[in-house]
Amino acid sequence: MADYKKQVNLTGWLVFLIAFIVYFFSAERTGSLWDCGEFILGAYKLQVVHPPGAPLFLIVGRMFAWLGDIFSSNPEDIAFAVNIMSSLSTAFAAMFVAWATIILGKMALVGRDGTVEDQGAKIALLGSGLISGLATAFCSSIWFSAVEGEVYAMSTFFTALTFWSAMKWYNLPDTRDNDRWLVFTVYAAGLSIGV
């Protein structure tokens, strides 16, 4: 069972790594045409952007803009750093989609409390997680948001994180300690309001 858990974790991290490498090389090196410039500048200066605002996005974006400012004197690299934040967010979202797919597939095959014993079923579950994560990462609308400093990538991240943590909670045994995942799910959904 521990070996299967490692394989599930490795599948998710493989999706993250593939997605992030592709996003890194395809990310905008400067600001894009529409609201991206406003969000990048708002993150860099910690200013208020157009309504309804995006305080959590701007705070996290400020950390990435600060790193871009530290490692380069070129102002374009500040924009690239905020764009990389979106890339990281979307790569994590793809990873969580892969893990959620594996959980849902396992529930469909053996039920909530069962374990996967068949080697073919394990391969099918891991493959479905890999495919769903990569399909999420390279869906055109998600990829478009993953390479620019806009709020949609972080919003996708929080949606996937909330869904995955809810699935993880549901799939765990019904004990008091496992209810922390339900609290985390509500916390993640609450944080998403700031994006």
C-alpha atoms as a PDB file:
ATOM      1  CA  MET A   1       0.000   0.000   0.000  1.00  0.00           C
ATOM      2  CA  ALA A   2       2.836   2.408   0.828  1.00  0.00           C
ATOM      3  CA  ASP A   3       4.360   1.698  -2.584  1.00  0.00           C
ATOM      4  CA  TYR A   4       1.079   2.635  -4.296  1.00  0.00           C
ATOM      5  CA  LYS A   5       0.895   5.895  -2.323  1.00  0.00           C
ATOM      6  CA  LYS A   6       4.401   6.768  -3.489  1.00  0.00           C
ATOM      7  CA  GLN A   7       3.401   6.050  -7.074  1.00  0.00           C
ATOM      8  CA  VAL A   8       0.345   8.288  -6.725  1.00  0.00           C
ATOM      9  CA  ASN A   9       2.479  11.091  -5.300  1.00  0.00           C
ATOM     10  CA  LEU A  10       5.105  10.659  -8.005  1.00  0.00           C
ATOM     11  CA  THR A  11       2.417  10.793 -10.710  1.00  0.00           C
ATOM     12  CA  GLY A  12       1.137  14.111  -9.374  1.00  0.00           C
ATOM     13  CA  TRP A  13       4.619  15.580  -9.080  1.00  0.00           C
ATOM     14  CA  LEU A  14       5.455  14.380 -12.606  1.00  0.00           C
ATOM     15  CA  VAL A  15       2.423  16.266 -13.911  1.00  0.00           C
ATOM     16  CA  PHE A  16       3.574  19.347 -11.988  1.00  0.00           C
ATOM     17  CA  LEU A  17       7.117  19.120 -13.345  1.00  0.00           C
ATOM     18  CA  ILE A  18       6.099  18.628 -16.987  1.00  0.00           C
ATOM     19  CA  ALA A  19       3.548  21.432 -16.827  1.00  0.00           C
ATOM     20  CA  PHE A  20       5.875  23.887 -15.086  1.00  0.00           C
ATOM     21  CA  ILE A  21       8.771  23.288 -17.481  1.00  0.00           C
ATOM     22  CA  VAL A  22       6.531  23.901 -20.495  1.00  0.00           C
ATOM     23  CA  TYR A  23       4.960  26.960 -18.852  1.00  0.00           C
ATOM     24  CA  PHE A  24       8.363  28.374 -17.910  1.00  0.00           C
ATOM     25  CA  PHE A  25       9.545  28.324 -21.497  1.00  0.00           C
ATOM     26  CA  SER A  26       6.256  29.638 -22.893  1.00  0.00           C
ATOM     27  CA  ALA A  27       5.558  32.329 -20.276  1.00  0.00           C
ATOM     28  CA  GLU A  28       5.386  35.954 -21.338  1.00  0.00           C
ATOM     29  CA  ARG A  29       8.769  37.588 -20.765  1.00  0.00           C
ATOM     30  CA  THR A  30       7.102  40.974 -20.220  1.00  0.00           C
ATOM     31  CA  GLY A  31       3.561  42.210 -19.657  1.00  0.00           C
ATOM     32  CA  SER A  32       0.696  41.195 -21.924  1.00  0.00           C
ATOM     33  CA  LEU A  33      -1.713  43.575 -23.606  1.00  0.00           C
ATOM     34  CA  TRP A  34      -4.824  43.581 -21.433  1.00  0.00           C
ATOM     35  CA  ASP A  35      -5.210  43.597 -17.587  1.00  0.00           C
ATOM     36  CA  CYS A  36      -1.902  41.832 -16.992  1.00  0.00           C
ATOM     37  CA  GLY A  37       0.064  45.064 -16.849  1.00  0.00           C
ATOM     38  CA  GLU A  38      -2.304  46.441 -14.234  1.00  0.00           C
ATOM     39  CA  PHE A  39      -2.011  43.300 -12.098  1.00  0.00           C
ATOM     40  CA  ILE A  40       1.774  43.159 -12.424  1.00  0.00           C
ATOM     41  CA  LEU A  41       2.173  46.807 -11.465  1.00  0.00           C
ATOM     42  CA  GLY A  42      -0.415  46.417  -8.684  1.00  0.00           C
ATOM     43  CA  ALA A  43       1.568  43.479  -7.299  1.00  0.00           C
ATOM     44  CA  TYR A  44       4.893  45.283  -7.607  1.00  0.00           C
ATOM     45  CA  LYS A  45       3.695  48.444  -5.849  1.00  0.00           C
ATOM     46  CA  LEU A  46       1.011  46.720  -3.699  1.00  0.00           C
ATOM     47  CA  GLN A  47      -1.674  48.950  -5.133  1.00  0.00           C
ATOM     48  CA  VAL A  48      -5.396  48.420  -5.589  1.00  0.00           C
ATOM     49  CA  VAL A  49      -6.452  47.040  -8.978  1.00  0.00           C
ATOM     50  CA  HIS A  50      -9.840  47.401 -10.636  1.00  0.00           C
ATOM     51  CA  PRO A  51     -12.924  46.155  -8.747  1.00  0.00           C
ATOM     52  CA  PRO A  52     -13.493  43.766  -7.124  1.00  0.00           C
ATOM     53  CA  GLY A  53      -9.757  43.725  -6.372  1.00  0.00           C
ATOM     54  CA  ALA A  54      -7.552  40.725  -5.734  1.00  0.00           C
ATOM     55  CA  PRO A  55      -5.744  41.167  -2.405  1.00  0.00           C
ATOM     56  CA  LEU A  56      -4.323  37.658  -2.032  1.00  0.00           C
ATOM     57  CA  PHE A  57      -3.144  37.619  -5.642  1.00  0.00           C
ATOM     58  CA  LEU A  58      -1.408  40.972  -5.122  1.00  0.00           C
ATOM     59  CA  ILE A  59       0.279  39.920  -1.877  1.00  0.00           C
ATOM     60  CA  VAL A  60       1.625  36.690  -3.358  1.00  0.00           C
ATOM     61  CA  GLY A  61       2.475  38.544  -6.577  1.00  0.00           C
ATOM     62  CA  ARG A  62       4.435  41.093  -4.548  1.00  0.00           C
ATOM     63  CA  MET A  63       6.679  38.306  -3.260  1.00  0.00           C
ATOM     64  CA  PHE A  64       7.379  37.148  -6.812  1.00  0.00           C
ATOM     65  CA  ALA A  65       7.901  40.737  -8.017  1.00  0.00           C
ATOM     66  CA  TRP A  66      10.312  41.272  -5.146  1.00  0.00           C
ATOM     67  CA  LEU A  67      12.296  38.201  -6.210  1.00  0.00           C
ATOM     68  CA  GLY A  68      12.348  39.465  -9.793  1.00  0.00           C
ATOM     69  CA  ASP A  69      13.608  42.820  -8.538  1.00  0.00           C
ATOM     70  CA  ILE A  70      16.327  41.207  -6.413  1.00  0.00           C
ATOM     71  CA  PHE A  71      17.732  38.947  -9.118  1.00  0.00           C
ATOM     72  CA  SER A  72      17.670  41.461 -11.957  1.00  0.00           C
ATOM     73  CA  SER A  73      17.881  45.180 -12.534  1.00  0.00           C
ATOM     74  CA  ASN A  74      15.765  44.823 -15.676  1.00  0.00           C
ATOM     75  CA  PRO A  75      12.142  45.887 -14.981  1.00  0.00           C
ATOM     76  CA  GLU A  76      10.880  43.345 -17.520  1.00  0.00           C
ATOM     77  CA  ASP A  77      12.011  40.581 -15.189  1.00  0.00           C
ATOM     78  CA  ILE A  78       9.538  41.788 -12.567  1.00  0.00           C
ATOM     79  CA  ALA A  79       6.737  41.083 -15.039  1.00  0.00           C
ATOM     80  CA  PHE A  80       8.287  37.710 -15.880  1.00  0.00           C
ATOM     81  CA  ALA A  81       8.440  36.808 -12.170  1.00  0.00           C
ATOM     82  CA  VAL A  82       4.708  37.535 -11.720  1.00  0.00           C
ATOM     83  CA  ASN A  83       3.989  35.540 -14.878  1.00  0.00           C
ATOM     84  CA  ILE A  84       5.950  32.641 -13.366  1.00  0.00           C
ATOM     85  CA  MET A  85       3.685  32.864 -10.318  1.00  0.00           C
ATOM     86  CA  SER A  86       0.765  32.103 -12.612  1.00  0.00           C
ATOM     87  CA  SER A  87       2.743  29.234 -14.132  1.00  0.00           C
ATOM     88  CA  LEU A  88       3.423  27.748 -10.712  1.00  0.00           C
ATOM     89  CA  SER A  89      -0.220  28.121  -9.711  1.00  0.00           C
ATOM     90  CA  THR A  90      -1.454  26.320 -12.797  1.00  0.00           C
ATOM     91  CA  ALA A  91       1.146  23.558 -12.555  1.00  0.00           C
ATOM     92  CA  PHE A  92       0.000  22.919  -8.982  1.00  0.00           C
ATOM     93  CA  ALA A  93      -3.628  22.938 -10.161  1.00  0.00           C
ATOM     94  CA  ALA A  94      -2.811  20.257 -12.738  1.00  0.00           C
ATOM     95  CA  MET A  95      -1.135  18.190 -10.017  1.00  0.00           C
ATOM     96  CA  PHE A  96      -4.214  18.420  -7.786  1.00  0.00           C
ATOM     97  CA  VAL A  97      -6.477  17.457 -10.689  1.00  0.00           C
ATOM     98  CA  ALA A  98      -4.310  14.373 -11.267  1.00  0.00           C
ATOM     99  CA  TRP A  99      -4.541  13.355  -7.624  1.00  0.00           C
ATOM    100  CA  ALA A 100      -8.306  13.989  -7.486  1.00  0.00           C
ATOM    101  CA  THR A 101      -8.787  11.874 -10.603  1.00  0.00           C
ATOM    102  CA  ILE A 102      -6.861   9.005  -9.035  1.00  0.00           C
ATOM    103  CA  ILE A 103      -9.002   9.248  -5.877  1.00  0.00           C
ATOM    104  CA  LEU A 104     -12.237   9.267  -7.885  1.00  0.00           C
ATOM    105  CA  GLY A 105     -11.045   6.388 -10.069  1.00  0.00           C
ATOM    106  CA  LYS A 106     -10.113   4.335  -7.010  1.00  0.00           C
ATOM    107  CA  MET A 107     -13.552   4.991  -5.513  1.00  0.00           C
ATOM    108  CA  ALA A 108     -15.164   3.822  -8.761  1.00  0.00           C
ATOM    109  CA  LEU A 109     -13.072   0.640  -8.895  1.00  0.00           C
ATOM    110  CA  VAL A 110     -12.941  -0.576  -5.311  1.00  0.00           C
ATOM    111  CA  GLY A 111     -15.120   1.788  -3.290  1.00  0.00           C
ATOM    112  CA  ARG A 112     -14.262   4.285  -0.635  1.00  0.00           C
ATOM    113  CA  ASP A 113     -12.683   1.954   1.917  1.00  0.00           C
ATOM    114  CA  GLY A 114     -11.133  -0.647  -0.388  1.00  0.00           C
ATOM    115  CA  THR A 115      -7.551  -1.000  -1.524  1.00  0.00           C
ATOM    116  CA  VAL A 116      -6.328  -1.475  -5.061  1.00  0.00           C
ATOM    117  CA  GLU A 117      -4.688  -4.904  -5.329  1.00  0.00           C
ATOM    118  CA  ASP A 118      -4.694  -5.542  -9.084  1.00  0.00           C
ATOM    119  CA  GLN A 119      -1.563  -4.298 -10.847  1.00  0.00           C
ATOM    120  CA  GLY A 120      -3.525  -3.455 -14.002  1.00  0.00           C
ATOM    121  CA  ALA A 121      -5.949  -1.336 -11.986  1.00  0.00           C
ATOM    122  CA  LYS A 122      -3.040   0.538 -10.400  1.00  0.00           C
ATOM    123  CA  ILE A 123      -1.553   1.287 -13.810  1.00  0.00           C
ATOM    124  CA  ALA A 124      -4.954   2.392 -15.120  1.00  0.00           C
ATOM    125  CA  LEU A 125      -5.485   4.706 -12.136  1.00  0.00           C
ATOM    126  CA  LEU A 126      -2.025   6.240 -12.361  1.00  0.00           C
ATOM    127  CA  GLY A 127      -2.384   6.638 -16.117  1.00  0.00           C
ATOM    128  CA  SER A 128      -5.762   8.313 -15.742  1.00  0.00           C
ATOM    129  CA  GLY A 129      -4.296  10.736 -13.218  1.00  0.00           C
ATOM    130  CA  LEU A 130      -1.375  11.509 -15.504  1.00  0.00           C
ATOM    131  CA  ILE A 131      -3.615  12.059 -18.521  1.00  0.00           C
ATOM    132  CA  SER A 132      -6.170  14.178 -16.669  1.00  0.00           C
ATOM    133  CA  GLY A 133      -3.473  16.340 -15.094  1.00  0.00           C
ATOM    134  CA  LEU A 134      -1.706  16.939 -18.387  1.00  0.00           C
ATOM    135  CA  ALA A 135      -5.013  17.500 -20.204  1.00  0.00           C
ATOM    136  CA  THR A 136      -5.824  20.135 -17.614  1.00  0.00           C
ATOM    137  CA  ALA A 137      -2.394  21.731 -17.929  1.00  0.00           C
ATOM    138  CA  PHE A 138      -2.491  21.943 -21.719  1.00  0.00           C
ATOM    139  CA  CYS A 139      -6.125  22.859 -22.228  1.00  0.00           C
ATOM    140  CA  SER A 140      -5.895  26.050 -24.295  1.00  0.00           C
ATOM    141  CA  SER A 141      -7.836  28.333 -21.957  1.00  0.00           C
ATOM    142  CA  ILE A 142      -5.872  27.172 -18.905  1.00  0.00           C
ATOM    143  CA  TRP A 143      -2.516  27.345 -20.676  1.00  0.00           C
ATOM    144  CA  PHE A 144      -3.361  30.853 -21.905  1.00  0.00           C
ATOM    145  CA  SER A 145      -3.870  31.991 -18.281  1.00  0.00           C
ATOM    146  CA  ALA A 146      -0.840  30.094 -17.003  1.00  0.00           C
ATOM    147  CA  VAL A 147       1.689  32.163 -18.901  1.00  0.00           C
ATOM    148  CA  GLU A 148       0.612  35.681 -17.915  1.00  0.00           C
ATOM    149  CA  GLY A 149       0.161  37.649 -14.709  1.00  0.00           C
ATOM    150  CA  GLU A 150      -3.615  37.377 -14.372  1.00  0.00           C
ATOM    151  CA  VAL A 151      -5.854  36.143 -11.552  1.00  0.00           C
ATOM    152  CA  TYR A 152      -7.332  33.216 -13.490  1.00  0.00           C
ATOM    153  CA  ALA A 153      -4.359  30.910 -12.942  1.00  0.00           C
ATOM    154  CA  MET A 154      -4.440  31.344  -9.177  1.00  0.00           C
ATOM    155  CA  SER A 155      -8.222  30.958  -9.219  1.00  0.00           C
ATOM    156  CA  THR A 156      -7.809  27.645 -11.067  1.00  0.00           C
ATOM    157  CA  PHE A 157      -5.262  26.611  -8.446  1.00  0.00           C
ATOM    158  CA  PHE A 158      -7.640  27.286  -5.561  1.00  0.00           C
ATOM    159  CA  THR A 159     -10.510  25.513  -7.323  1.00  0.00           C
ATOM    160  CA  ALA A 160      -8.374  22.409  -7.868  1.00  0.00           C
ATOM    161  CA  LEU A 161      -6.934  22.563  -4.338  1.00  0.00           C
ATOM    162  CA  THR A 162     -10.399  22.826  -2.794  1.00  0.00           C
ATOM    163  CA  PHE A 163     -11.745  19.953  -4.894  1.00  0.00           C
ATOM    164  CA  TRP A 164      -8.740  17.716  -4.182  1.00  0.00           C
ATOM    165  CA  SER A 165      -8.824  18.328  -0.428  1.00  0.00           C
ATOM    166  CA  ALA A 166     -12.563  17.603  -0.338  1.00  0.00           C
ATOM    167  CA  MET A 167     -11.975  14.341  -2.224  1.00  0.00           C
ATOM    168  CA  LYS A 168      -9.087  13.457   0.077  1.00  0.00           C
ATOM    169  CA  TRP A 169     -11.269  14.069   3.153  1.00  0.00           C
ATOM    170  CA  TYR A 170     -14.122  12.012   1.723  1.00  0.00           C
ATOM    171  CA  ASN A 171     -11.804   9.124   0.843  1.00  0.00           C
ATOM    172  CA  LEU A 172     -10.148   8.913   4.283  1.00  0.00           C
ATOM    173  CA  PRO A 173     -11.611   6.854   7.151  1.00  0.00           C
ATOM    174  CA  ASP A 174     -14.269   8.636   9.193  1.00  0.00           C
ATOM    175  CA  THR A 175     -12.159   9.677  12.186  1.00  0.00           C
ATOM    176  CA  ARG A 176     -11.916  12.893  14.093  1.00  0.00           C
ATOM    177  CA  ASP A 177      -8.306  13.526  13.011  1.00  0.00           C
ATOM    178  CA  ASN A 178      -9.201  13.325   9.332  1.00  0.00           C
ATOM    179  CA  ASP A 179     -11.747  16.120   9.705  1.00  0.00           C
ATOM    180  CA  ARG A 180      -8.839  18.557   9.512  1.00  0.00           C
ATOM    181  CA  TRP A 181      -9.014  18.050   5.735  1.00  0.00           C
ATOM    182  CA  LEU A 182     -12.582  19.342   5.767  1.00  0.00           C
ATOM    183  CA  VAL A 183     -11.457  22.404   7.724  1.00  0.00           C
ATOM    184  CA  PHE A 184      -8.621  22.881   5.229  1.00  0.00           C
ATOM    185  CA  THR A 185     -11.121  22.635   2.348  1.00  0.00           C
ATOM    186  CA  VAL A 186     -13.220  25.434   3.810  1.00  0.00           C
ATOM    187  CA  TYR A 187     -10.060  27.474   4.495  1.00  0.00           C
ATOM    188  CA  ALA A 188      -8.860  27.082   0.911  1.00  0.00           C
ATOM    189  CA  ALA A 189     -12.278  28.085  -0.399  1.00  0.00           C
ATOM    190  CA  GLY A 190     -12.164  31.136   1.867  1.00  0.00           C
ATOM    191  CA  LEU A 191      -8.706  32.117   0.627  1.00  0.00           C
ATOM    192  CA  SER A 192      -9.914  31.869  -2.955  1.00  0.00           C
ATOM    193  CA  ILE A 193     -12.219  34.819  -2.318  1.00  0.00           C
ATOM    194  CA  GLY A 194      -9.090  36.989  -2.108  1.00  0.00           C
ATOM    195  CA  VAL A 195      -8.184  36.066  -5.651  1.00  0.00           C
END
